[in-house]
Amino acid sequence: MNHYEKNQTSSLRPQADHHVTMHNRRNLEISGVKEVDSFDNEEFLLQTVMGYLIVRGENLQMKNLDVEQGNVSIKGKIYELSYLDEQHGEKAKGLFSKLFK
């Protein structure tokens, strides 16, 4: 059972919505963000209600962070959006080890 299915079946409280909206590969708005784990000008690692999300690009900057609402806005040239599922634990472990050396 993956992260999405677990949260849909076992959650007693309503789960926050998760939306990703991109405008012209330059502005990215994400809702349902639990935590910003790390970020720099080439990569953001966000923990969302649907799992970890990696945003990769060039000249990335956090435009807006609303912790209470779980909204994050990122500007810069977006190259890639990628989710890390629990079944890809080795990939996530490798990513974390690179980030926290």
PDB file of N, CA and C in Angstrom:
ATOM      1  N   MET A   1       0.849  -1.176   0.000  1.00  0.00           N
ATOM      2  CA  MET A   1       0.000   0.000   0.000  1.00  0.00           C
ATOM      3  C   MET A   1       0.892   1.236   0.000  1.00  0.00           C
ATOM      4  N   ASN A   2       0.645   2.151  -0.904  1.00  0.00           N
ATOM      5  CA  ASN A   2       1.491   3.341  -0.986  1.00  0.00           C
ATOM      6  C   ASN A   2       0.999   4.455  -0.060  1.00  0.00           C
ATOM      7  N   HIS A   3       1.749   5.519   0.019  1.00  0.00           N
ATOM      8  CA  HIS A   3       1.468   6.651   0.918  1.00  0.00           C
ATOM      9  C   HIS A   3       0.078   7.227   0.670  1.00  0.00           C
ATOM     10  N   TYR A   4      -0.282   7.385  -0.573  1.00  0.00           N
ATOM     11  CA  TYR A   4      -1.570   7.979  -0.934  1.00  0.00           C
ATOM     12  C   TYR A   4      -2.714   7.105  -0.447  1.00  0.00           C
ATOM     13  N   GLU A   5      -2.642   5.790  -0.692  1.00  0.00           N
ATOM     14  CA  GLU A   5      -3.704   4.882  -0.283  1.00  0.00           C
ATOM     15  C   GLU A   5      -3.825   4.808   1.226  1.00  0.00           C
ATOM     16  N   LYS A   6      -2.698   4.774   1.928  1.00  0.00           N
ATOM     17  CA  LYS A   6      -2.721   4.729   3.392  1.00  0.00           C
ATOM     18  C   LYS A   6      -3.448   5.930   3.962  1.00  0.00           C
ATOM     19  N   ASN A   7      -3.123   7.092   3.457  1.00  0.00           N
ATOM     20  CA  ASN A   7      -3.734   8.307   3.991  1.00  0.00           C
ATOM     21  C   ASN A   7      -5.210   8.392   3.658  1.00  0.00           C
ATOM     22  N   GLN A   8      -5.621   7.846   2.552  1.00  0.00           N
ATOM     23  CA  GLN A   8      -7.024   7.885   2.184  1.00  0.00           C
ATOM     24  C   GLN A   8      -7.856   6.933   3.038  1.00  0.00           C
ATOM     25  N   THR A   9      -7.302   5.786   3.428  1.00  0.00           N
ATOM     26  CA  THR A   9      -8.087   4.786   4.134  1.00  0.00           C
ATOM     27  C   THR A   9      -7.952   4.852   5.634  1.00  0.00           C
ATOM     28  N   SER A  10      -6.807   5.254   6.164  1.00  0.00           N
ATOM     29  CA  SER A  10      -6.592   5.160   7.595  1.00  0.00           C
ATOM     30  C   SER A  10      -6.668   6.491   8.335  1.00  0.00           C
ATOM     31  N   SER A  11      -6.848   7.574   7.631  1.00  0.00           N
ATOM     32  CA  SER A  11      -6.864   8.874   8.283  1.00  0.00           C
ATOM     33  C   SER A  11      -8.242   9.151   8.872  1.00  0.00           C
ATOM     34  N   LEU A  12      -8.272   9.487  10.167  1.00  0.00           N
ATOM     35  CA  LEU A  12      -9.531   9.816  10.813  1.00  0.00           C
ATOM     36  C   LEU A  12      -9.888  11.287  10.625  1.00  0.00           C
ATOM     37  N   ARG A  13      -8.882  12.119  10.510  1.00  0.00           N
ATOM     38  CA  ARG A  13      -9.141  13.530  10.288  1.00  0.00           C
ATOM     39  C   ARG A  13      -9.012  13.828   8.803  1.00  0.00           C
ATOM     40  N   PRO A  14      -9.716  14.840   8.311  1.00  0.00           N
ATOM     41  CA  PRO A  14      -9.623  15.141   6.885  1.00  0.00           C
ATOM     42  C   PRO A  14      -8.210  15.574   6.505  1.00  0.00           C
ATOM     43  N   GLN A  15      -7.745  15.062   5.377  1.00  0.00           N
ATOM     44  CA  GLN A  15      -6.404  15.383   4.915  1.00  0.00           C
ATOM     45  C   GLN A  15      -6.430  16.699   4.148  1.00  0.00           C
ATOM     46  N   ALA A  16      -5.393  17.490   4.354  1.00  0.00           N
ATOM     47  CA  ALA A  16      -5.289  18.761   3.637  1.00  0.00           C
ATOM     48  C   ALA A  16      -5.124  18.491   2.145  1.00  0.00           C
ATOM     49  N   ASP A  17      -5.657  19.393   1.360  1.00  0.00           N
ATOM     50  CA  ASP A  17      -5.495  19.275  -0.087  1.00  0.00           C
ATOM     51  C   ASP A  17      -4.057  19.562  -0.468  1.00  0.00           C
ATOM     52  N   HIS A  18      -3.663  18.974  -1.594  1.00  0.00           N
ATOM     53  CA  HIS A  18      -2.324  19.200  -2.118  1.00  0.00           C
ATOM     54  C   HIS A  18      -2.475  19.606  -3.579  1.00  0.00           C
ATOM     55  N   HIS A  19      -2.053  20.826  -3.870  1.00  0.00           N
ATOM     56  CA  HIS A  19      -2.118  21.339  -5.237  1.00  0.00           C
ATOM     57  C   HIS A  19      -0.758  21.874  -5.634  1.00  0.00           C
ATOM     58  N   VAL A  20      -0.410  21.674  -6.904  1.00  0.00           N
ATOM     59  CA  VAL A  20       0.813  22.223  -7.469  1.00  0.00           C
ATOM     60  C   VAL A  20       0.401  22.986  -8.726  1.00  0.00           C
ATOM     61  N   THR A  21       0.716  24.275  -8.749  1.00  0.00           N
ATOM     62  CA  THR A  21       0.380  25.109  -9.899  1.00  0.00           C
ATOM     63  C   THR A  21       1.654  25.778 -10.395  1.00  0.00           C
ATOM     64  N   MET A  22       1.920  25.601 -11.688  1.00  0.00           N
ATOM     65  CA  MET A  22       3.111  26.203 -12.273  1.00  0.00           C
ATOM     66  C   MET A  22       2.684  27.195 -13.358  1.00  0.00           C
ATOM     67  N   HIS A  23       3.336  28.353 -13.362  1.00  0.00           N
ATOM     68  CA  HIS A  23       3.069  29.387 -14.362  1.00  0.00           C
ATOM     69  C   HIS A  23       4.341  29.618 -15.170  1.00  0.00           C
ATOM     70  N   ASN A  24       4.312  29.227 -16.432  1.00  0.00           N
ATOM     71  CA  ASN A  24       5.406  29.484 -17.379  1.00  0.00           C
ATOM     72  C   ASN A  24       6.770  28.979 -16.910  1.00  0.00           C
ATOM     73  N   ARG A  25       6.807  27.903 -16.161  1.00  0.00           N
ATOM     74  CA  ARG A  25       8.055  27.320 -15.643  1.00  0.00           C
ATOM     75  C   ARG A  25       8.863  28.311 -14.817  1.00  0.00           C
ATOM     76  N   ARG A  26       8.258  29.392 -14.383  1.00  0.00           N
ATOM     77  CA  ARG A  26       8.971  30.426 -13.625  1.00  0.00           C
ATOM     78  C   ARG A  26       8.418  30.611 -12.212  1.00  0.00           C
ATOM     79  N   ASN A  27       7.150  30.315 -12.006  1.00  0.00           N
ATOM     80  CA  ASN A  27       6.526  30.483 -10.696  1.00  0.00           C
ATOM     81  C   ASN A  27       5.780  29.209 -10.339  1.00  0.00           C
ATOM     82  N   LEU A  28       6.008  28.731  -9.133  1.00  0.00           N
ATOM     83  CA  LEU A  28       5.421  27.485  -8.668  1.00  0.00           C
ATOM     84  C   LEU A  28       4.721  27.751  -7.344  1.00  0.00           C
ATOM     85  N   GLU A  29       3.469  27.346  -7.246  1.00  0.00           N
ATOM     86  CA  GLU A  29       2.706  27.487  -6.011  1.00  0.00           C
ATOM     87  C   GLU A  29       2.301  26.093  -5.551  1.00  0.00           C
ATOM     88  N   ILE A  30       2.589  25.771  -4.296  1.00  0.00           N
ATOM     89  CA  ILE A  30       2.344  24.442  -3.762  1.00  0.00           C
ATOM     90  C   ILE A  30       1.560  24.578  -2.466  1.00  0.00           C
ATOM     91  N   SER A  31       0.475  23.822  -2.344  1.00  0.00           N
ATOM     92  CA  SER A  31      -0.284  23.786  -1.098  1.00  0.00           C
ATOM     93  C   SER A  31      -0.167  22.390  -0.494  1.00  0.00           C
ATOM     94  N   GLY A  32      -0.512  22.266   0.768  1.00  0.00           N
ATOM     95  CA  GLY A  32      -0.407  20.980   1.450  1.00  0.00           C
ATOM     96  C   GLY A  32       1.009  20.666   1.894  1.00  0.00           C
ATOM     97  N   VAL A  33       1.817  21.705   2.105  1.00  0.00           N
ATOM     98  CA  VAL A  33       3.205  21.526   2.534  1.00  0.00           C
ATOM     99  C   VAL A  33       3.242  21.460   4.060  1.00  0.00           C
ATOM    100  N   LYS A  34       3.840  20.390   4.566  1.00  0.00           N
ATOM    101  CA  LYS A  34       3.990  20.238   6.018  1.00  0.00           C
ATOM    102  C   LYS A  34       5.258  20.913   6.519  1.00  0.00           C
ATOM    103  N   GLU A  35       6.338  20.779   5.728  1.00  0.00           N
ATOM    104  CA  GLU A  35       7.632  21.274   6.183  1.00  0.00           C
ATOM    105  C   GLU A  35       8.553  21.478   4.987  1.00  0.00           C
ATOM    106  N   VAL A  36       9.384  22.500   5.068  1.00  0.00           N
ATOM    107  CA  VAL A  36      10.453  22.712   4.090  1.00  0.00           C
ATOM    108  C   VAL A  36      11.712  22.144   4.730  1.00  0.00           C
ATOM    109  N   ASP A  37      12.169  20.992   4.234  1.00  0.00           N
ATOM    110  CA  ASP A  37      13.326  20.318   4.842  1.00  0.00           C
ATOM    111  C   ASP A  37      14.640  20.981   4.466  1.00  0.00           C
ATOM    112  N   SER A  38      14.795  21.354   3.218  1.00  0.00           N
ATOM    113  CA  SER A  38      16.019  22.025   2.795  1.00  0.00           C
ATOM    114  C   SER A  38      15.755  22.743   1.476  1.00  0.00           C
ATOM    115  N   PHE A  39      16.577  23.740   1.212  1.00  0.00           N
ATOM    116  CA  PHE A  39      16.472  24.425  -0.074  1.00  0.00           C
ATOM    117  C   PHE A  39      17.740  25.200  -0.353  1.00  0.00           C
ATOM    118  N   ASP A  40      18.017  25.335  -1.629  1.00  0.00           N
ATOM    119  CA  ASP A  40      19.075  26.213  -2.108  1.00  0.00           C
ATOM    120  C   ASP A  40      18.643  26.710  -3.475  1.00  0.00           C
ATOM    121  N   ASN A  41      19.544  27.318  -4.223  1.00  0.00           N
ATOM    122  CA  ASN A  41      19.135  27.911  -5.499  1.00  0.00           C
ATOM    123  C   ASN A  41      18.938  26.886  -6.618  1.00  0.00           C
ATOM    124  N   GLU A  42      19.212  25.589  -6.341  1.00  0.00           N
ATOM    125  CA  GLU A  42      19.014  24.557  -7.360  1.00  0.00           C
ATOM    126  C   GLU A  42      18.022  23.467  -6.957  1.00  0.00           C
ATOM    127  N   GLU A  43      17.688  23.376  -5.653  1.00  0.00           N
ATOM    128  CA  GLU A  43      16.819  22.272  -5.232  1.00  0.00           C
ATOM    129  C   GLU A  43      16.082  22.600  -3.936  1.00  0.00           C
ATOM    130  N   PHE A  44      14.807  22.262  -3.900  1.00  0.00           N
ATOM    131  CA  PHE A  44      13.982  22.361  -2.703  1.00  0.00           C
ATOM    132  C   PHE A  44      13.510  20.959  -2.345  1.00  0.00           C
ATOM    133  N   LEU A  45      13.527  20.617  -1.071  1.00  0.00           N
ATOM    134  CA  LEU A  45      12.977  19.357  -0.585  1.00  0.00           C
ATOM    135  C   LEU A  45      11.845  19.709   0.377  1.00  0.00           C
ATOM    136  N   LEU A  46      10.618  19.376  -0.036  1.00  0.00           N
ATOM    137  CA  LEU A  46       9.432  19.735   0.726  1.00  0.00           C
ATOM    138  C   LEU A  46       8.719  18.475   1.188  1.00  0.00           C
ATOM    139  N   GLN A  47       8.294  18.464   2.439  1.00  0.00           N
ATOM    140  CA  GLN A  47       7.456  17.371   2.922  1.00  0.00           C
ATOM    141  C   GLN A  47       6.015  17.838   2.770  1.00  0.00           C
ATOM    142  N   THR A  48       5.249  17.124   1.940  1.00  0.00           N
ATOM    143  CA  THR A  48       3.856  17.482   1.697  1.00  0.00           C
ATOM    144  C   THR A  48       2.949  16.402   2.276  1.00  0.00           C
ATOM    145  N   VAL A  49       1.653  16.656   2.240  1.00  0.00           N
ATOM    146  CA  VAL A  49       0.695  15.667   2.718  1.00  0.00           C
ATOM    147  C   VAL A  49       0.664  14.433   1.821  1.00  0.00           C
ATOM    148  N   MET A  50       1.267  14.509   0.647  1.00  0.00           N
ATOM    149  CA  MET A  50       1.323  13.381  -0.287  1.00  0.00           C
ATOM    150  C   MET A  50       2.717  12.785  -0.401  1.00  0.00           C
ATOM    151  N   GLY A  51       3.613  13.109   0.516  1.00  0.00           N
ATOM    152  CA  GLY A  51       4.973  12.581   0.488  1.00  0.00           C
ATOM    153  C   GLY A  51       5.979  13.696   0.200  1.00  0.00           C
ATOM    154  N   TYR A  52       7.233  13.303   0.106  1.00  0.00           N
ATOM    155  CA  TYR A  52       8.293  14.275  -0.169  1.00  0.00           C
ATOM    156  C   TYR A  52       8.262  14.685  -1.632  1.00  0.00           C
ATOM    157  N   LEU A  53       8.436  15.975  -1.869  1.00  0.00           N
ATOM    158  CA  LEU A  53       8.465  16.546  -3.210  1.00  0.00           C
ATOM    159  C   LEU A  53       9.793  17.266  -3.391  1.00  0.00           C
ATOM    160  N   ILE A  54      10.488  16.940  -4.481  1.00  0.00           N
ATOM    161  CA  ILE A  54      11.734  17.618  -4.827  1.00  0.00           C
ATOM    162  C   ILE A  54      11.454  18.526  -6.011  1.00  0.00           C
ATOM    163  N   VAL A  55      11.875  19.770  -5.880  1.00  0.00           N
ATOM    164  CA  VAL A  55      11.779  20.742  -6.971  1.00  0.00           C
ATOM    165  C   VAL A  55      13.200  21.094  -7.356  1.00  0.00           C
ATOM    166  N   ARG A  56      13.532  20.872  -8.621  1.00  0.00           N
ATOM    167  CA  ARG A  56      14.887  21.188  -9.097  1.00  0.00           C
ATOM    168  C   ARG A  56      14.794  22.253 -10.179  1.00  0.00           C
ATOM    169  N   GLY A  57      15.817  23.099 -10.216  1.00  0.00           N
ATOM    170  CA  GLY A  57      15.827  24.154 -11.211  1.00  0.00           C
ATOM    171  C   GLY A  57      17.061  25.011 -11.091  1.00  0.00           C
ATOM    172  N   GLU A  58      16.916  26.235 -11.551  1.00  0.00           N
ATOM    173  CA  GLU A  58      18.028  27.185 -11.590  1.00  0.00           C
ATOM    174  C   GLU A  58      17.552  28.506 -11.010  1.00  0.00           C
ATOM    175  N   ASN A  59      18.404  29.122 -10.180  1.00  0.00           N
ATOM    176  CA  ASN A  59      18.075  30.398  -9.529  1.00  0.00           C
ATOM    177  C   ASN A  59      16.756  30.340  -8.762  1.00  0.00           C
ATOM    178  N   LEU A  60      16.527  29.229  -8.049  1.00  0.00           N
ATOM    179  CA  LEU A  60      15.296  29.062  -7.291  1.00  0.00           C
ATOM    180  C   LEU A  60      15.329  29.918  -6.031  1.00  0.00           C
ATOM    181  N   GLN A  61      14.209  30.561  -5.758  1.00  0.00           N
ATOM    182  CA  GLN A  61      14.065  31.392  -4.561  1.00  0.00           C
ATOM    183  C   GLN A  61      12.680  31.166  -3.976  1.00  0.00           C
ATOM    184  N   MET A  62      12.603  31.163  -2.651  1.00  0.00           N
ATOM    185  CA  MET A  62      11.310  31.055  -1.997  1.00  0.00           C
ATOM    186  C   MET A  62      10.668  32.437  -1.995  1.00  0.00           C
ATOM    187  N   LYS A  63       9.550  32.549  -2.675  1.00  0.00           N
ATOM    188  CA  LYS A  63       8.828  33.813  -2.750  1.00  0.00           C
ATOM    189  C   LYS A  63       7.929  33.995  -1.537  1.00  0.00           C
ATOM    190  N   ASN A  64       7.278  32.915  -1.118  1.00  0.00           N
ATOM    191  CA  ASN A  64       6.311  33.003  -0.035  1.00  0.00           C
ATOM    192  C   ASN A  64       6.310  31.693   0.736  1.00  0.00           C
ATOM    193  N   LEU A  65       6.211  31.786   2.061  1.00  0.00           N
ATOM    194  CA  LEU A  65       6.099  30.610   2.918  1.00  0.00           C
ATOM    195  C   LEU A  65       5.045  30.913   3.965  1.00  0.00           C
ATOM    196  N   ASP A  66       3.947  30.163   3.926  1.00  0.00           N
ATOM    197  CA  ASP A  66       2.877  30.290   4.911  1.00  0.00           C
ATOM    198  C   ASP A  66       2.760  28.959   5.624  1.00  0.00           C
ATOM    199  N   VAL A  67       3.413  28.858   6.778  1.00  0.00           N
ATOM    200  CA  VAL A  67       3.481  27.597   7.515  1.00  0.00           C
ATOM    201  C   VAL A  67       2.106  27.171   8.014  1.00  0.00           C
ATOM    202  N   GLU A  68       1.318  28.111   8.488  1.00  0.00           N
ATOM    203  CA  GLU A  68       0.001  27.773   9.025  1.00  0.00           C
ATOM    204  C   GLU A  68      -0.910  27.177   7.965  1.00  0.00           C
ATOM    205  N   GLN A  69      -0.907  27.738   6.780  1.00  0.00           N
ATOM    206  CA  GLN A  69      -1.760  27.262   5.697  1.00  0.00           C
ATOM    207  C   GLN A  69      -1.103  26.159   4.875  1.00  0.00           C
ATOM    208  N   GLY A  70       0.212  25.995   4.999  1.00  0.00           N
ATOM    209  CA  GLY A  70       0.926  24.983   4.233  1.00  0.00           C
ATOM    210  C   GLY A  70       1.153  25.361   2.782  1.00  0.00           C
ATOM    211  N   ASN A  71       1.339  26.644   2.526  1.00  0.00           N
ATOM    212  CA  ASN A  71       1.548  27.127   1.160  1.00  0.00           C
ATOM    213  C   ASN A  71       2.978  27.618   0.970  1.00  0.00           C
ATOM    214  N   VAL A  72       3.553  27.243  -0.177  1.00  0.00           N
ATOM    215  CA  VAL A  72       4.896  27.675  -0.536  1.00  0.00           C
ATOM    216  C   VAL A  72       4.871  28.163  -1.980  1.00  0.00           C
ATOM    217  N   SER A  73       5.522  29.279  -2.233  1.00  0.00           N
ATOM    218  CA  SER A  73       5.696  29.794  -3.599  1.00  0.00           C
ATOM    219  C   SER A  73       7.186  29.847  -3.900  1.00  0.00           C
ATOM    220  N   ILE A  74       7.541  29.346  -5.070  1.00  0.00           N
ATOM    221  CA  ILE A  74       8.943  29.303  -5.499  1.00  0.00           C
ATOM    222  C   ILE A  74       9.031  29.967  -6.867  1.00  0.00           C
ATOM    223  N   LYS A  75      10.070  30.799  -7.038  1.00  0.00           N
ATOM    224  CA  LYS A  75      10.298  31.378  -8.360  1.00  0.00           C
ATOM    225  C   LYS A  75      11.684  30.989  -8.843  1.00  0.00           C
ATOM    226  N   GLY A  76      11.856  30.968 -10.143  1.00  0.00           N
ATOM    227  CA  GLY A  76      13.101  30.573 -10.789  1.00  0.00           C
ATOM    228  C   GLY A  76      12.770  29.702 -11.986  1.00  0.00           C
ATOM    229  N   LYS A  77      13.768  29.182 -12.643  1.00  0.00           N
ATOM    230  CA  LYS A  77      13.548  28.307 -13.798  1.00  0.00           C
ATOM    231  C   LYS A  77      13.372  26.871 -13.298  1.00  0.00           C
ATOM    232  N   ILE A  78      12.182  26.307 -13.460  1.00  0.00           N
ATOM    233  CA  ILE A  78      11.858  24.969 -12.956  1.00  0.00           C
ATOM    234  C   ILE A  78      12.232  23.924 -14.005  1.00  0.00           C
ATOM    235  N   TYR A  79      13.048  22.945 -13.587  1.00  0.00           N
ATOM    236  CA  TYR A  79      13.437  21.853 -14.471  1.00  0.00           C
ATOM    237  C   TYR A  79      12.691  20.564 -14.160  1.00  0.00           C
ATOM    238  N   GLU A  80      12.415  20.311 -12.873  1.00  0.00           N
ATOM    239  CA  GLU A  80      11.894  19.001 -12.500  1.00  0.00           C
ATOM    240  C   GLU A  80      11.094  19.075 -11.200  1.00  0.00           C
ATOM    241  N   LEU A  81       9.986  18.327 -11.155  1.00  0.00           N
ATOM    242  CA  LEU A  81       9.216  18.076  -9.944  1.00  0.00           C
ATOM    243  C   LEU A  81       9.178  16.570  -9.778  1.00  0.00           C
ATOM    244  N   SER A  82       9.487  16.100  -8.590  1.00  0.00           N
ATOM    245  CA  SER A  82       9.588  14.653  -8.400  1.00  0.00           C
ATOM    246  C   SER A  82       9.162  14.292  -6.980  1.00  0.00           C
ATOM    247  N   TYR A  83       8.322  13.256  -6.861  1.00  0.00           N
ATOM    248  CA  TYR A  83       7.885  12.767  -5.549  1.00  0.00           C
ATOM    249  C   TYR A  83       8.703  11.557  -5.162  1.00  0.00           C
ATOM    250  N   LEU A  84       9.048  11.473  -3.881  1.00  0.00           N
ATOM    251  CA  LEU A  84       9.737  10.309  -3.340  1.00  0.00           C
ATOM    252  C   LEU A  84       8.709   9.478  -2.590  1.00  0.00           C
ATOM    253  N   ASP A  85       8.397   8.303  -3.104  1.00  0.00           N
ATOM    254  CA  ASP A  85       7.470   7.402  -2.435  1.00  0.00           C
ATOM    255  C   ASP A  85       8.217   6.552  -1.432  1.00  0.00           C
ATOM    256  N   GLU A  86       7.486   5.957  -0.487  1.00  0.00           N
ATOM    257  CA  GLU A  86       8.098   5.111   0.529  1.00  0.00           C
ATOM    258  C   GLU A  86       8.826   3.921  -0.087  1.00  0.00           C
ATOM    259  N   GLN A  87       8.344   3.418  -1.200  1.00  0.00           N
ATOM    260  CA  GLN A  87       8.994   2.280  -1.834  1.00  0.00           C
ATOM    261  C   GLN A  87      10.352   2.640  -2.428  1.00  0.00           C
ATOM    262  N   HIS A  88      10.632   3.924  -2.553  1.00  0.00           N
ATOM    263  CA  HIS A  88      11.927   4.380  -3.057  1.00  0.00           C
ATOM    264  C   HIS A  88      12.801   4.839  -1.895  1.00  0.00           C
ATOM    265  N   GLY A  89      12.763   4.131  -0.794  1.00  0.00           N
ATOM    266  CA  GLY A  89      13.492   4.511   0.409  1.00  0.00           C
ATOM    267  C   GLY A  89      14.975   4.682   0.183  1.00  0.00           C
ATOM    268  N   GLU A  90      15.577   3.842  -0.626  1.00  0.00           N
ATOM    269  CA  GLU A  90      17.017   3.952  -0.892  1.00  0.00           C
ATOM    270  C   GLU A  90      17.339   5.254  -1.604  1.00  0.00           C
ATOM    271  N   LYS A  91      16.497   5.638  -2.540  1.00  0.00           N
ATOM    272  CA  LYS A  91      16.721   6.894  -3.255  1.00  0.00           C
ATOM    273  C   LYS A  91      16.614   8.063  -2.277  1.00  0.00           C
ATOM    274  N   ALA A  92      15.623   8.011  -1.393  1.00  0.00           N
ATOM    275  CA  ALA A  92      15.442   9.092  -0.417  1.00  0.00           C
ATOM    276  C   ALA A  92      16.630   9.149   0.528  1.00  0.00           C
ATOM    277  N   LYS A  93      17.098   7.976   0.961  1.00  0.00           N
ATOM    278  CA  LYS A  93      18.242   7.936   1.874  1.00  0.00           C
ATOM    279  C   LYS A  93      19.465   8.540   1.194  1.00  0.00           C
ATOM    280  N   GLY A  94      19.680   8.227  -0.077  1.00  0.00           N
ATOM    281  CA  GLY A  94      20.804   8.791  -0.822  1.00  0.00           C
ATOM    282  C   GLY A  94      20.699  10.296  -0.942  1.00  0.00           C
ATOM    283  N   LEU A  95      19.481  10.782  -1.167  1.00  0.00           N
ATOM    284  CA  LEU A  95      19.265  12.211  -1.284  1.00  0.00           C
ATOM    285  C   LEU A  95      19.561  12.903   0.045  1.00  0.00           C
ATOM    286  N   PHE A  96      19.057  12.351   1.130  1.00  0.00           N
ATOM    287  CA  PHE A  96      19.288  12.956   2.438  1.00  0.00           C
ATOM    288  C   PHE A  96      20.775  12.946   2.785  1.00  0.00           C
ATOM    289  N   SER A  97      21.462  11.874   2.465  1.00  0.00           N
ATOM    290  CA  SER A  97      22.891  11.821   2.783  1.00  0.00           C
ATOM    291  C   SER A  97      23.661  12.867   1.984  1.00  0.00           C
ATOM    292  N   LYS A  98      23.244  13.142   0.756  1.00  0.00           N
ATOM    293  CA  LYS A  98      23.893  14.190  -0.038  1.00  0.00           C
ATOM    294  C   LYS A  98      23.618  15.572   0.559  1.00  0.00           C
ATOM    295  N   LEU A  99      22.381  15.780   1.014  1.00  0.00           N
ATOM    296  CA  LEU A  99      22.000  17.082   1.525  1.00  0.00           C
ATOM    297  C   LEU A  99      22.647  17.422   2.849  1.00  0.00           C
ATOM    298  N   PHE A 100      22.853  16.415   3.691  1.00  0.00           N
ATOM    299  CA  PHE A 100      23.318  16.681   5.044  1.00  0.00           C
ATOM    300  C   PHE A 100      24.752  16.255   5.304  1.00  0.00           C
ATOM    301  N   LYS A 101      25.600  16.271   4.277  1.00  0.00           N
ATOM    302  CA  LYS A 101      27.031  15.937   4.458  1.00  0.00           C
ATOM    303  C   LYS A 101      27.738  17.075   5.114  1.00  0.00           C
TER     304      LYS A 101
END
